[in-house]
Amino acid sequence: MSMADTLSEIETCLADDAQLESLRVLVKSNSGVDRYNALVASYNRRCSSFRYRPSDMADARAAVNARRSSIQAEAEALVVEWGG
């Protein structure tokens, strides 16, 4: 029987998902697409099937929503670093 993921693990997956959403519309270069695809593969390995308690998911969503603007800024910085 599998234990539920920790609040931190859930929050990390939700934050990664938010970052991927931002990156999807920002990435324009071929090298950026390659790096984006690598992040998606990593996300899928780590976050595609996690277990959680409903209260933990609600707390994690709230924490990620509070950080949404900084997650967007991090995505923008990554695209600049990647050269588009």
N, C-alpha and C. Protein backbone atom coordinates (compact mmCIF):
# COMPACT_ATOMS: atom_id res chain seq x y z
N MET A 1 0.85 -1.18 0.00
CA MET A 1 0.00 0.00 0.00
C MET A 1 0.89 1.24 0.00
N SER A 2 0.57 2.17 -0.82
CA SER A 2 1.39 3.36 -0.97
C SER A 2 0.93 4.46 -0.02
N MET A 3 1.90 5.12 0.56
CA MET A 3 1.61 6.24 1.45
C MET A 3 1.30 7.47 0.61
N ALA A 4 0.58 8.40 1.18
CA ALA A 4 0.31 9.65 0.49
C ALA A 4 1.60 10.47 0.43
N ASP A 5 1.75 11.20 -0.67
CA ASP A 5 2.91 12.08 -0.80
C ASP A 5 2.81 13.19 0.25
N THR A 6 3.97 13.73 0.57
CA THR A 6 4.00 14.80 1.57
C THR A 6 3.47 16.09 0.95
N LEU A 7 3.08 17.00 1.80
CA LEU A 7 2.60 18.30 1.35
C LEU A 7 3.66 18.98 0.49
N SER A 8 4.91 18.88 0.89
CA SER A 8 6.01 19.48 0.13
C SER A 8 6.12 18.88 -1.27
N GLU A 9 5.98 17.57 -1.37
CA GLU A 9 6.04 16.90 -2.68
C GLU A 9 4.88 17.33 -3.57
N ILE A 10 3.71 17.44 -3.00
CA ILE A 10 2.53 17.87 -3.76
C ILE A 10 2.73 19.31 -4.23
N GLU A 11 3.18 20.16 -3.34
CA GLU A 11 3.41 21.56 -3.69
C GLU A 11 4.45 21.68 -4.81
N THR A 12 5.51 20.88 -4.72
CA THR A 12 6.54 20.91 -5.76
C THR A 12 5.96 20.52 -7.12
N CYS A 13 5.15 19.48 -7.16
CA CYS A 13 4.54 19.05 -8.41
C CYS A 13 3.60 20.12 -8.96
N LEU A 14 2.81 20.73 -8.10
CA LEU A 14 1.90 21.78 -8.56
C LEU A 14 2.67 23.01 -9.05
N ALA A 15 3.74 23.36 -8.36
CA ALA A 15 4.56 24.50 -8.79
C ALA A 15 5.24 24.19 -10.12
N ASP A 16 5.73 22.97 -10.28
CA ASP A 16 6.34 22.57 -11.55
C ASP A 16 5.32 22.63 -12.67
N ASP A 17 4.10 22.20 -12.40
CA ASP A 17 3.04 22.25 -13.41
C ASP A 17 2.75 23.70 -13.81
N ALA A 18 2.69 24.59 -12.84
CA ALA A 18 2.46 26.01 -13.14
C ALA A 18 3.60 26.59 -13.96
N GLN A 19 4.83 26.20 -13.63
CA GLN A 19 5.98 26.69 -14.39
C GLN A 19 5.93 26.17 -15.83
N LEU A 20 5.58 24.90 -16.00
CA LEU A 20 5.48 24.34 -17.34
C LEU A 20 4.41 25.04 -18.16
N GLU A 21 3.30 25.40 -17.53
CA GLU A 21 2.25 26.15 -18.23
C GLU A 21 2.80 27.48 -18.74
N SER A 22 3.56 28.16 -17.90
CA SER A 22 4.15 29.44 -18.29
C SER A 22 5.17 29.26 -19.40
N LEU A 23 6.02 28.28 -19.25
CA LEU A 23 7.07 28.04 -20.24
C LEU A 23 6.50 27.67 -21.60
N ARG A 24 5.39 26.94 -21.60
CA ARG A 24 4.81 26.46 -22.85
C ARG A 24 4.55 27.60 -23.83
N VAL A 25 4.11 28.74 -23.32
CA VAL A 25 3.80 29.87 -24.21
C VAL A 25 5.00 30.79 -24.44
N LEU A 26 6.04 30.66 -23.62
CA LEU A 26 7.19 31.55 -23.72
C LEU A 26 8.31 31.02 -24.60
N VAL A 27 8.48 29.70 -24.64
CA VAL A 27 9.61 29.09 -25.34
C VAL A 27 9.40 29.21 -26.85
N LYS A 28 10.43 29.74 -27.53
CA LYS A 28 10.34 29.92 -28.98
C LYS A 28 11.49 29.24 -29.73
N SER A 29 12.65 29.08 -29.11
CA SER A 29 13.81 28.53 -29.82
C SER A 29 13.80 27.00 -29.77
N ASN A 30 14.51 26.39 -30.72
CA ASN A 30 14.62 24.93 -30.74
C ASN A 30 15.30 24.41 -29.48
N SER A 31 16.35 25.09 -29.04
CA SER A 31 17.03 24.63 -27.82
C SER A 31 16.11 24.80 -26.61
N GLY A 32 15.30 25.85 -26.61
CA GLY A 32 14.34 26.04 -25.53
C GLY A 32 13.29 24.95 -25.51
N VAL A 33 12.84 24.55 -26.70
CA VAL A 33 11.86 23.46 -26.80
C VAL A 33 12.47 22.16 -26.28
N ASP A 34 13.72 21.91 -26.62
CA ASP A 34 14.38 20.70 -26.11
C ASP A 34 14.46 20.71 -24.59
N ARG A 35 14.81 21.84 -24.02
CA ARG A 35 14.90 21.93 -22.55
C ARG A 35 13.52 21.82 -21.91
N TYR A 36 12.53 22.44 -22.54
CA TYR A 36 11.15 22.34 -22.05
C TYR A 36 10.71 20.87 -22.05
N ASN A 37 10.98 20.18 -23.15
CA ASN A 37 10.59 18.76 -23.23
C ASN A 37 11.28 17.92 -22.16
N ALA A 38 12.51 18.24 -21.84
CA ALA A 38 13.22 17.53 -20.77
C ALA A 38 12.55 17.78 -19.42
N LEU A 39 12.11 19.03 -19.19
CA LEU A 39 11.40 19.33 -17.94
C LEU A 39 10.07 18.59 -17.87
N VAL A 40 9.37 18.50 -19.00
CA VAL A 40 8.10 17.77 -19.04
C VAL A 40 8.34 16.29 -18.72
N ALA A 41 9.38 15.71 -19.29
CA ALA A 41 9.69 14.30 -19.02
C ALA A 41 9.99 14.09 -17.54
N SER A 42 10.75 15.00 -16.96
CA SER A 42 11.06 14.90 -15.53
C SER A 42 9.79 15.03 -14.69
N TYR A 43 8.96 15.99 -15.04
CA TYR A 43 7.69 16.19 -14.33
C TYR A 43 6.84 14.91 -14.42
N ASN A 44 6.73 14.36 -15.59
CA ASN A 44 5.91 13.16 -15.77
C ASN A 44 6.43 11.99 -14.93
N ARG A 45 7.73 11.84 -14.85
CA ARG A 45 8.30 10.75 -14.02
C ARG A 45 7.97 10.95 -12.54
N ARG A 46 8.07 12.20 -12.09
CA ARG A 46 7.91 12.47 -10.66
C ARG A 46 6.47 12.69 -10.23
N CYS A 47 5.64 13.23 -11.12
CA CYS A 47 4.35 13.76 -10.67
C CYS A 47 3.12 13.19 -11.36
N SER A 48 3.29 12.24 -12.26
CA SER A 48 2.13 11.78 -13.02
C SER A 48 1.11 11.01 -12.19
N SER A 49 1.55 10.38 -11.13
CA SER A 49 0.58 9.64 -10.32
C SER A 49 0.97 9.74 -8.85
N PHE A 50 0.51 10.80 -8.23
CA PHE A 50 0.80 10.92 -6.81
C PHE A 50 -0.49 10.80 -6.02
N ARG A 51 -0.34 10.40 -4.78
CA ARG A 51 -1.47 10.24 -3.87
C ARG A 51 -1.43 11.37 -2.85
N TYR A 52 -2.59 11.80 -2.44
CA TYR A 52 -2.64 12.91 -1.49
C TYR A 52 -3.93 12.89 -0.70
N ARG A 53 -3.86 13.52 0.42
CA ARG A 53 -5.07 13.75 1.21
C ARG A 53 -5.69 15.04 0.68
N PRO A 54 -7.02 15.11 0.60
CA PRO A 54 -7.66 16.32 0.07
C PRO A 54 -7.23 17.61 0.77
N SER A 55 -7.03 17.55 2.06
CA SER A 55 -6.61 18.76 2.78
C SER A 55 -5.20 19.19 2.38
N ASP A 56 -4.33 18.21 2.12
CA ASP A 56 -2.97 18.54 1.66
C ASP A 56 -3.01 19.17 0.28
N MET A 57 -3.86 18.65 -0.60
CA MET A 57 -3.96 19.23 -1.94
C MET A 57 -4.46 20.67 -1.86
N ALA A 58 -5.42 20.93 -1.03
CA ALA A 58 -5.95 22.29 -0.88
C ALA A 58 -4.86 23.22 -0.35
N ASP A 59 -4.11 22.77 0.63
CA ASP A 59 -3.02 23.59 1.18
C ASP A 59 -1.93 23.84 0.13
N ALA A 60 -1.59 22.81 -0.62
CA ALA A 60 -0.56 22.94 -1.65
C ALA A 60 -1.01 23.89 -2.75
N ARG A 61 -2.26 23.79 -3.18
CA ARG A 61 -2.79 24.70 -4.20
C ARG A 61 -2.73 26.14 -3.72
N ALA A 62 -3.11 26.36 -2.48
CA ALA A 62 -3.09 27.72 -1.92
C ALA A 62 -1.66 28.27 -1.90
N ALA A 63 -0.73 27.44 -1.51
CA ALA A 63 0.67 27.88 -1.45
C ALA A 63 1.20 28.22 -2.84
N VAL A 64 0.88 27.38 -3.82
CA VAL A 64 1.34 27.63 -5.19
C VAL A 64 0.66 28.87 -5.77
N ASN A 65 -0.62 29.03 -5.52
CA ASN A 65 -1.32 30.22 -6.01
C ASN A 65 -0.73 31.50 -5.42
N ALA A 66 -0.29 31.44 -4.19
CA ALA A 66 0.32 32.61 -3.55
C ALA A 66 1.67 32.94 -4.19
N ARG A 67 2.32 31.94 -4.80
CA ARG A 67 3.63 32.12 -5.42
C ARG A 67 3.56 32.24 -6.94
N ARG A 68 2.36 32.31 -7.48
CA ARG A 68 2.20 32.23 -8.94
C ARG A 68 3.01 33.29 -9.68
N SER A 69 3.05 34.50 -9.18
CA SER A 69 3.81 35.55 -9.90
C SER A 69 5.31 35.26 -9.86
N SER A 70 5.82 34.72 -8.77
CA SER A 70 7.25 34.39 -8.74
C SER A 70 7.55 33.17 -9.61
N ILE A 71 6.61 32.24 -9.71
CA ILE A 71 6.79 31.08 -10.60
C ILE A 71 6.85 31.57 -12.05
N GLN A 72 5.99 32.52 -12.41
CA GLN A 72 5.99 33.10 -13.75
C GLN A 72 7.33 33.80 -14.02
N ALA A 73 7.81 34.56 -13.04
CA ALA A 73 9.09 35.26 -13.20
C ALA A 73 10.24 34.26 -13.37
N GLU A 74 10.21 33.17 -12.64
CA GLU A 74 11.24 32.13 -12.79
C GLU A 74 11.19 31.52 -14.19
N ALA A 75 10.00 31.31 -14.71
CA ALA A 75 9.86 30.77 -16.06
C ALA A 75 10.43 31.74 -17.08
N GLU A 76 10.13 33.01 -16.92
CA GLU A 76 10.65 34.02 -17.83
C GLU A 76 12.18 34.08 -17.78
N ALA A 77 12.74 33.96 -16.60
CA ALA A 77 14.20 33.97 -16.45
C ALA A 77 14.83 32.73 -17.12
N LEU A 78 14.18 31.59 -17.00
CA LEU A 78 14.69 30.40 -17.65
C LEU A 78 14.73 30.57 -19.17
N VAL A 79 13.68 31.15 -19.72
CA VAL A 79 13.63 31.35 -21.18
C VAL A 79 14.75 32.28 -21.63
N VAL A 80 15.01 33.32 -20.86
CA VAL A 80 16.11 34.23 -21.18
C VAL A 80 17.43 33.47 -21.13
N GLU A 81 17.62 32.68 -20.08
CA GLU A 81 18.84 31.88 -19.92
C GLU A 81 19.00 30.90 -21.09
N TRP A 82 17.91 30.34 -21.55
CA TRP A 82 17.94 29.37 -22.64
C TRP A 82 18.11 30.05 -24.01
N GLY A 83 17.97 31.35 -24.05
CA GLY A 83 18.09 32.06 -25.32
C GLY A 83 16.81 32.03 -26.14
N GLY A 84 15.69 31.97 -25.45
CA GLY A 84 14.40 32.01 -26.14
C GLY A 84 13.77 30.74 -26.16
